Amino acid sequence: MKHGGGSVMIWGCIYSFGVGGMTFIENTMHHKDYLAILKNNLHKSAEKLGIRQIFQYYQDNDQSRRHGL
């Protein structure tokens, strides 16, 4: 049985004491999509991990995630 190629893109939050939320991205992600993911998940994940008051956000240099930040 042959399997076609494919990929899965996931946004996730990782901390040394656990993991936060995870979002599956089904299509090409543009800057507005990325900002919506952050808006809907970042603070919830920090709250879940108990680090809401102390966390700092870092990102890579992907161009789709640099616009407007």
PDB file of N, CA and C in Angstrom:
ATOM      1  N   MET A   1       0.843  -1.161   0.000  1.00  0.00           N
ATOM      2  CA  MET A   1       0.000   0.000   0.000  1.00  0.00           C
ATOM      3  C   MET A   1       0.897   1.236   0.000  1.00  0.00           C
ATOM      4  N   LYS A   2       0.647   2.144  -0.921  1.00  0.00           N
ATOM      5  CA  LYS A   2       1.438   3.364  -1.002  1.00  0.00           C
ATOM      6  C   LYS A   2       0.728   4.486  -0.258  1.00  0.00           C
ATOM      7  N   HIS A   3       1.532   5.325   0.331  1.00  0.00           N
ATOM      8  CA  HIS A   3       0.996   6.481   1.036  1.00  0.00           C
ATOM      9  C   HIS A   3       1.526   7.735   0.375  1.00  0.00           C
ATOM     10  N   GLY A   4       0.659   8.716   0.176  1.00  0.00           N
ATOM     11  CA  GLY A   4       1.079   9.975  -0.406  1.00  0.00           C
ATOM     12  C   GLY A   4       1.811  10.829   0.608  1.00  0.00           C
ATOM     13  N   GLY A   5       2.535  11.790   0.104  1.00  0.00           N
ATOM     14  CA  GLY A   5       3.229  12.723   0.990  1.00  0.00           C
ATOM     15  C   GLY A   5       2.216  13.616   1.686  1.00  0.00           C
ATOM     16  N   GLY A   6       2.660  14.310   2.641  1.00  0.00           N
ATOM     17  CA  GLY A   6       1.788  15.211   3.368  1.00  0.00           C
ATOM     18  C   GLY A   6       2.540  15.833   4.518  1.00  0.00           C
ATOM     19  N   SER A   7       1.873  16.727   5.159  1.00  0.00           N
ATOM     20  CA  SER A   7       2.503  17.361   6.302  1.00  0.00           C
ATOM     21  C   SER A   7       1.431  17.818   7.277  1.00  0.00           C
ATOM     22  N   VAL A   8       1.855  18.009   8.479  1.00  0.00           N
ATOM     23  CA  VAL A   8       0.981  18.517   9.522  1.00  0.00           C
ATOM     24  C   VAL A   8       1.724  19.658  10.193  1.00  0.00           C
ATOM     25  N   MET A   9       1.064  20.799  10.328  1.00  0.00           N
ATOM     26  CA  MET A   9       1.664  21.917  11.020  1.00  0.00           C
ATOM     27  C   MET A   9       0.892  22.143  12.314  1.00  0.00           C
ATOM     28  N   ILE A  10       1.624  22.313  13.400  1.00  0.00           N
ATOM     29  CA  ILE A  10       1.015  22.467  14.712  1.00  0.00           C
ATOM     30  C   ILE A  10       1.646  23.655  15.416  1.00  0.00           C
ATOM     31  N   TRP A  11       0.809  24.505  16.029  1.00  0.00           N
ATOM     32  CA  TRP A  11       1.315  25.526  16.934  1.00  0.00           C
ATOM     33  C   TRP A  11       1.196  24.949  18.320  1.00  0.00           C
ATOM     34  N   GLY A  12       2.262  25.057  19.097  1.00  0.00           N
ATOM     35  CA  GLY A  12       2.219  24.531  20.446  1.00  0.00           C
ATOM     36  C   GLY A  12       3.019  25.379  21.403  1.00  0.00           C
ATOM     37  N   CYS A  13       2.791  25.154  22.674  1.00  0.00           N
ATOM     38  CA  CYS A  13       3.454  25.886  23.737  1.00  0.00           C
ATOM     39  C   CYS A  13       4.106  24.873  24.672  1.00  0.00           C
ATOM     40  N   ILE A  14       5.404  25.037  24.915  1.00  0.00           N
ATOM     41  CA  ILE A  14       6.151  24.090  25.741  1.00  0.00           C
ATOM     42  C   ILE A  14       6.843  24.839  26.871  1.00  0.00           C
ATOM     43  N   TYR A  15       6.798  24.279  28.053  1.00  0.00           N
ATOM     44  CA  TYR A  15       7.457  24.827  29.229  1.00  0.00           C
ATOM     45  C   TYR A  15       8.164  23.680  29.922  1.00  0.00           C
ATOM     46  N   SER A  16       9.144  23.958  30.720  1.00  0.00           N
ATOM     47  CA  SER A  16       9.919  22.881  31.345  1.00  0.00           C
ATOM     48  C   SER A  16       9.083  21.996  32.265  1.00  0.00           C
ATOM     49  N   PHE A  17       7.951  22.483  32.742  1.00  0.00           N
ATOM     50  CA  PHE A  17       7.102  21.696  33.642  1.00  0.00           C
ATOM     51  C   PHE A  17       5.850  21.141  32.967  1.00  0.00           C
ATOM     52  N   GLY A  18       5.719  21.324  31.661  1.00  0.00           N
ATOM     53  CA  GLY A  18       4.540  20.789  30.987  1.00  0.00           C
ATOM     54  C   GLY A  18       4.318  21.418  29.628  1.00  0.00           C
ATOM     55  N   VAL A  19       3.168  21.115  29.062  1.00  0.00           N
ATOM     56  CA  VAL A  19       2.814  21.652  27.755  1.00  0.00           C
ATOM     57  C   VAL A  19       1.522  22.440  27.860  1.00  0.00           C
ATOM     58  N   GLY A  20       1.416  23.447  27.016  1.00  0.00           N
ATOM     59  CA  GLY A  20       0.207  24.256  26.950  1.00  0.00           C
ATOM     60  C   GLY A  20      -0.687  23.753  25.836  1.00  0.00           C
ATOM     61  N   GLY A  21      -1.400  24.674  25.230  1.00  0.00           N
ATOM     62  CA  GLY A  21      -2.327  24.322  24.168  1.00  0.00           C
ATOM     63  C   GLY A  21      -1.637  23.923  22.876  1.00  0.00           C
ATOM     64  N   MET A  22      -2.420  23.325  21.995  1.00  0.00           N
ATOM     65  CA  MET A  22      -1.919  22.902  20.694  1.00  0.00           C
ATOM     66  C   MET A  22      -3.004  23.177  19.668  1.00  0.00           C
ATOM     67  N   THR A  23      -2.621  23.733  18.528  1.00  0.00           N
ATOM     68  CA  THR A  23      -3.558  24.051  17.458  1.00  0.00           C
ATOM     69  C   THR A  23      -3.032  23.472  16.151  1.00  0.00           C
ATOM     70  N   PHE A  24      -3.883  22.745  15.454  1.00  0.00           N
ATOM     71  CA  PHE A  24      -3.520  22.204  14.142  1.00  0.00           C
ATOM     72  C   PHE A  24      -3.814  23.255  13.082  1.00  0.00           C
ATOM     73  N   ILE A  25      -2.882  23.447  12.165  1.00  0.00           N
ATOM     74  CA  ILE A  25      -3.015  24.426  11.092  1.00  0.00           C
ATOM     75  C   ILE A  25      -3.189  23.657   9.795  1.00  0.00           C
ATOM     76  N   GLU A  26      -4.334  23.860   9.162  1.00  0.00           N
ATOM     77  CA  GLU A  26      -4.687  23.045   8.004  1.00  0.00           C
ATOM     78  C   GLU A  26      -4.249  23.639   6.675  1.00  0.00           C
ATOM     79  N   ASN A  27      -4.105  24.928   6.588  1.00  0.00           N
ATOM     80  CA  ASN A  27      -3.762  25.577   5.325  1.00  0.00           C
ATOM     81  C   ASN A  27      -2.505  26.415   5.501  1.00  0.00           C
ATOM     82  N   THR A  28      -2.126  27.106   4.444  1.00  0.00           N
ATOM     83  CA  THR A  28      -0.999  28.020   4.537  1.00  0.00           C
ATOM     84  C   THR A  28      -1.295  29.069   5.600  1.00  0.00           C
ATOM     85  N   MET A  29      -0.350  29.295   6.476  1.00  0.00           N
ATOM     86  CA  MET A  29      -0.571  30.255   7.544  1.00  0.00           C
ATOM     87  C   MET A  29       0.001  31.609   7.151  1.00  0.00           C
ATOM     88  N   HIS A  30      -0.835  32.622   7.247  1.00  0.00           N
ATOM     89  CA  HIS A  30      -0.435  34.000   6.989  1.00  0.00           C
ATOM     90  C   HIS A  30      -0.369  34.732   8.318  1.00  0.00           C
ATOM     91  N   HIS A  31       0.148  35.959   8.295  1.00  0.00           N
ATOM     92  CA  HIS A  31       0.360  36.676   9.551  1.00  0.00           C
ATOM     93  C   HIS A  31      -0.925  36.857  10.357  1.00  0.00           C
ATOM     94  N   LYS A  32      -2.055  37.085   9.700  1.00  0.00           N
ATOM     95  CA  LYS A  32      -3.314  37.244  10.428  1.00  0.00           C
ATOM     96  C   LYS A  32      -3.725  35.940  11.120  1.00  0.00           C
ATOM     97  N   ASP A  33      -3.458  34.821  10.471  1.00  0.00           N
ATOM     98  CA  ASP A  33      -3.752  33.518  11.079  1.00  0.00           C
ATOM     99  C   ASP A  33      -2.894  33.307  12.321  1.00  0.00           C
ATOM    100  N   TYR A  34      -1.618  33.656  12.206  1.00  0.00           N
ATOM    101  CA  TYR A  34      -0.697  33.488  13.327  1.00  0.00           C
ATOM    102  C   TYR A  34      -1.101  34.362  14.509  1.00  0.00           C
ATOM    103  N   LEU A  35      -1.453  35.611  14.231  1.00  0.00           N
ATOM    104  CA  LEU A  35      -1.889  36.510  15.304  1.00  0.00           C
ATOM    105  C   LEU A  35      -3.153  35.987  15.979  1.00  0.00           C
ATOM    106  N   ALA A  36      -4.061  35.409  15.211  1.00  0.00           N
ATOM    107  CA  ALA A  36      -5.286  34.836  15.785  1.00  0.00           C
ATOM    108  C   ALA A  36      -4.962  33.641  16.676  1.00  0.00           C
ATOM    109  N   ILE A  37      -4.012  32.813  16.256  1.00  0.00           N
ATOM    110  CA  ILE A  37      -3.597  31.668  17.080  1.00  0.00           C
ATOM    111  C   ILE A  37      -3.027  32.165  18.406  1.00  0.00           C
ATOM    112  N   LEU A  38      -2.170  33.176  18.347  1.00  0.00           N
ATOM    113  CA  LEU A  38      -1.611  33.724  19.583  1.00  0.00           C
ATOM    114  C   LEU A  38      -2.707  34.297  20.472  1.00  0.00           C
ATOM    115  N   LYS A  39      -3.607  35.057  19.875  1.00  0.00           N
ATOM    116  CA  LYS A  39      -4.689  35.675  20.645  1.00  0.00           C
ATOM    117  C   LYS A  39      -5.550  34.630  21.340  1.00  0.00           C
ATOM    118  N   ASN A  40      -5.812  33.536  20.658  1.00  0.00           N
ATOM    119  CA  ASN A  40      -6.700  32.507  21.196  1.00  0.00           C
ATOM    120  C   ASN A  40      -6.013  31.493  22.101  1.00  0.00           C
ATOM    121  N   ASN A  41      -4.686  31.395  22.064  1.00  0.00           N
ATOM    122  CA  ASN A  41      -4.010  30.305  22.766  1.00  0.00           C
ATOM    123  C   ASN A  41      -2.899  30.682  23.733  1.00  0.00           C
ATOM    124  N   LEU A  42      -2.196  31.768  23.484  1.00  0.00           N
ATOM    125  CA  LEU A  42      -0.989  32.054  24.251  1.00  0.00           C
ATOM    126  C   LEU A  42      -1.265  32.269  25.742  1.00  0.00           C
ATOM    127  N   HIS A  43      -2.170  33.166  26.070  1.00  0.00           N
ATOM    128  CA  HIS A  43      -2.447  33.447  27.480  1.00  0.00           C
ATOM    129  C   HIS A  43      -3.141  32.266  28.169  1.00  0.00           C
ATOM    130  N   LYS A  44      -3.989  31.559  27.440  1.00  0.00           N
ATOM    131  CA  LYS A  44      -4.634  30.364  28.007  1.00  0.00           C
ATOM    132  C   LYS A  44      -3.588  29.316  28.368  1.00  0.00           C
ATOM    133  N   SER A  45      -2.601  29.149  27.492  1.00  0.00           N
ATOM    134  CA  SER A  45      -1.541  28.177  27.761  1.00  0.00           C
ATOM    135  C   SER A  45      -0.713  28.596  28.971  1.00  0.00           C
ATOM    136  N   ALA A  46      -0.375  29.874  29.051  1.00  0.00           N
ATOM    137  CA  ALA A  46       0.395  30.360  30.196  1.00  0.00           C
ATOM    138  C   ALA A  46      -0.384  30.175  31.494  1.00  0.00           C
ATOM    139  N   GLU A  47      -1.684  30.409  31.446  1.00  0.00           N
ATOM    140  CA  GLU A  47      -2.532  30.206  32.629  1.00  0.00           C
ATOM    141  C   GLU A  47      -2.559  28.726  33.026  1.00  0.00           C
ATOM    142  N   LYS A  48      -2.730  27.854  32.039  1.00  0.00           N
ATOM    143  CA  LYS A  48      -2.757  26.413  32.290  1.00  0.00           C
ATOM    144  C   LYS A  48      -1.459  25.931  32.945  1.00  0.00           C
ATOM    145  N   LEU A  49      -0.342  26.515  32.527  1.00  0.00           N
ATOM    146  CA  LEU A  49       0.962  26.121  33.049  1.00  0.00           C
ATOM    147  C   LEU A  49       1.319  26.820  34.359  1.00  0.00           C
ATOM    148  N   GLY A  50       0.478  27.757  34.778  1.00  0.00           N
ATOM    149  CA  GLY A  50       0.735  28.470  36.021  1.00  0.00           C
ATOM    150  C   GLY A  50       1.845  29.502  35.924  1.00  0.00           C
ATOM    151  N   ILE A  51       2.073  30.014  34.710  1.00  0.00           N
ATOM    152  CA  ILE A  51       3.156  30.986  34.507  1.00  0.00           C
ATOM    153  C   ILE A  51       2.642  32.295  33.912  1.00  0.00           C
ATOM    154  N   ARG A  52       1.366  32.546  34.025  1.00  0.00           N
ATOM    155  CA  ARG A  52       0.737  33.707  33.381  1.00  0.00           C
ATOM    156  C   ARG A  52       1.449  35.019  33.729  1.00  0.00           C
ATOM    157  N   GLN A  53       1.896  35.168  34.952  1.00  0.00           N
ATOM    158  CA  GLN A  53       2.503  36.426  35.395  1.00  0.00           C
ATOM    159  C   GLN A  53       3.995  36.533  35.069  1.00  0.00           C
ATOM    160  N   ILE A  54       4.625  35.439  34.702  1.00  0.00           N
ATOM    161  CA  ILE A  54       6.085  35.488  34.527  1.00  0.00           C
ATOM    162  C   ILE A  54       6.579  35.089  33.136  1.00  0.00           C
ATOM    163  N   PHE A  55       5.691  34.614  32.253  1.00  0.00           N
ATOM    164  CA  PHE A  55       6.182  34.081  30.979  1.00  0.00           C
ATOM    165  C   PHE A  55       6.654  35.191  30.044  1.00  0.00           C
ATOM    166  N   GLN A  56       7.570  34.834  29.161  1.00  0.00           N
ATOM    167  CA  GLN A  56       8.036  35.703  28.098  1.00  0.00           C
ATOM    168  C   GLN A  56       7.886  34.951  26.792  1.00  0.00           C
ATOM    169  N   TYR A  57       7.441  35.632  25.773  1.00  0.00           N
ATOM    170  CA  TYR A  57       7.189  35.018  24.480  1.00  0.00           C
ATOM    171  C   TYR A  57       8.380  35.254  23.551  1.00  0.00           C
ATOM    172  N   TYR A  58       8.858  34.181  22.915  1.00  0.00           N
ATOM    173  CA  TYR A  58       9.921  34.247  21.917  1.00  0.00           C
ATOM    174  C   TYR A  58       9.430  33.559  20.656  1.00  0.00           C
ATOM    175  N   GLN A  59       9.884  34.020  19.509  1.00  0.00           N
ATOM    176  CA  GLN A  59       9.500  33.395  18.246  1.00  0.00           C
ATOM    177  C   GLN A  59      10.711  33.251  17.348  1.00  0.00           C
ATOM    178  N   ASP A  60      10.545  32.435  16.297  1.00  0.00           N
ATOM    179  CA  ASP A  60      11.632  32.291  15.326  1.00  0.00           C
ATOM    180  C   ASP A  60      11.555  33.436  14.316  1.00  0.00           C
ATOM    181  N   ASN A  61      12.321  33.365  13.265  1.00  0.00           N
ATOM    182  CA  ASN A  61      12.386  34.451  12.296  1.00  0.00           C
ATOM    183  C   ASN A  61      11.564  34.226  11.039  1.00  0.00           C
ATOM    184  N   ASP A  62      10.578  33.334  11.080  1.00  0.00           N
ATOM    185  CA  ASP A  62       9.738  33.100   9.907  1.00  0.00           C
ATOM    186  C   ASP A  62       9.021  34.397   9.535  1.00  0.00           C
ATOM    187  N   GLN A  63       9.087  34.772   8.266  1.00  0.00           N
ATOM    188  CA  GLN A  63       8.512  36.043   7.809  1.00  0.00           C
ATOM    189  C   GLN A  63       7.018  36.170   8.087  1.00  0.00           C
ATOM    190  N   SER A  64       6.260  35.080   8.004  1.00  0.00           N
ATOM    191  CA  SER A  64       4.815  35.164   8.235  1.00  0.00           C
ATOM    192  C   SER A  64       4.495  35.524   9.671  1.00  0.00           C
ATOM    193  N   ARG A  65       5.459  35.353  10.572  1.00  0.00           N
ATOM    194  CA  ARG A  65       5.215  35.643  11.972  1.00  0.00           C
ATOM    195  C   ARG A  65       5.853  36.955  12.428  1.00  0.00           C
ATOM    196  N   ARG A  66       6.446  37.688  11.523  1.00  0.00           N
ATOM    197  CA  ARG A  66       7.112  38.943  11.886  1.00  0.00           C
ATOM    198  C   ARG A  66       6.233  40.145  11.614  1.00  0.00           C
ATOM    199  N   HIS A  67       5.309  40.047  10.705  1.00  0.00           N
ATOM    200  CA  HIS A  67       4.492  41.174  10.308  1.00  0.00           C
ATOM    201  C   HIS A  67       3.600  41.639  11.462  1.00  0.00           C
ATOM    202  N   GLY A  68       3.713  42.880  11.820  1.00  0.00           N
ATOM    203  CA  GLY A  68       2.817  43.474  12.807  1.00  0.00           C
ATOM    204  C   GLY A  68       3.138  43.145  14.250  1.00  0.00           C
ATOM    205  N   LEU A  69       4.249  42.487  14.516  1.00  0.00           N
ATOM    206  CA  LEU A  69       4.592  42.175  15.901  1.00  0.00           C
ATOM    207  C   LEU A  69       5.655  43.131  16.401  1.00  0.00           C
TER     208      LEU A  69
END
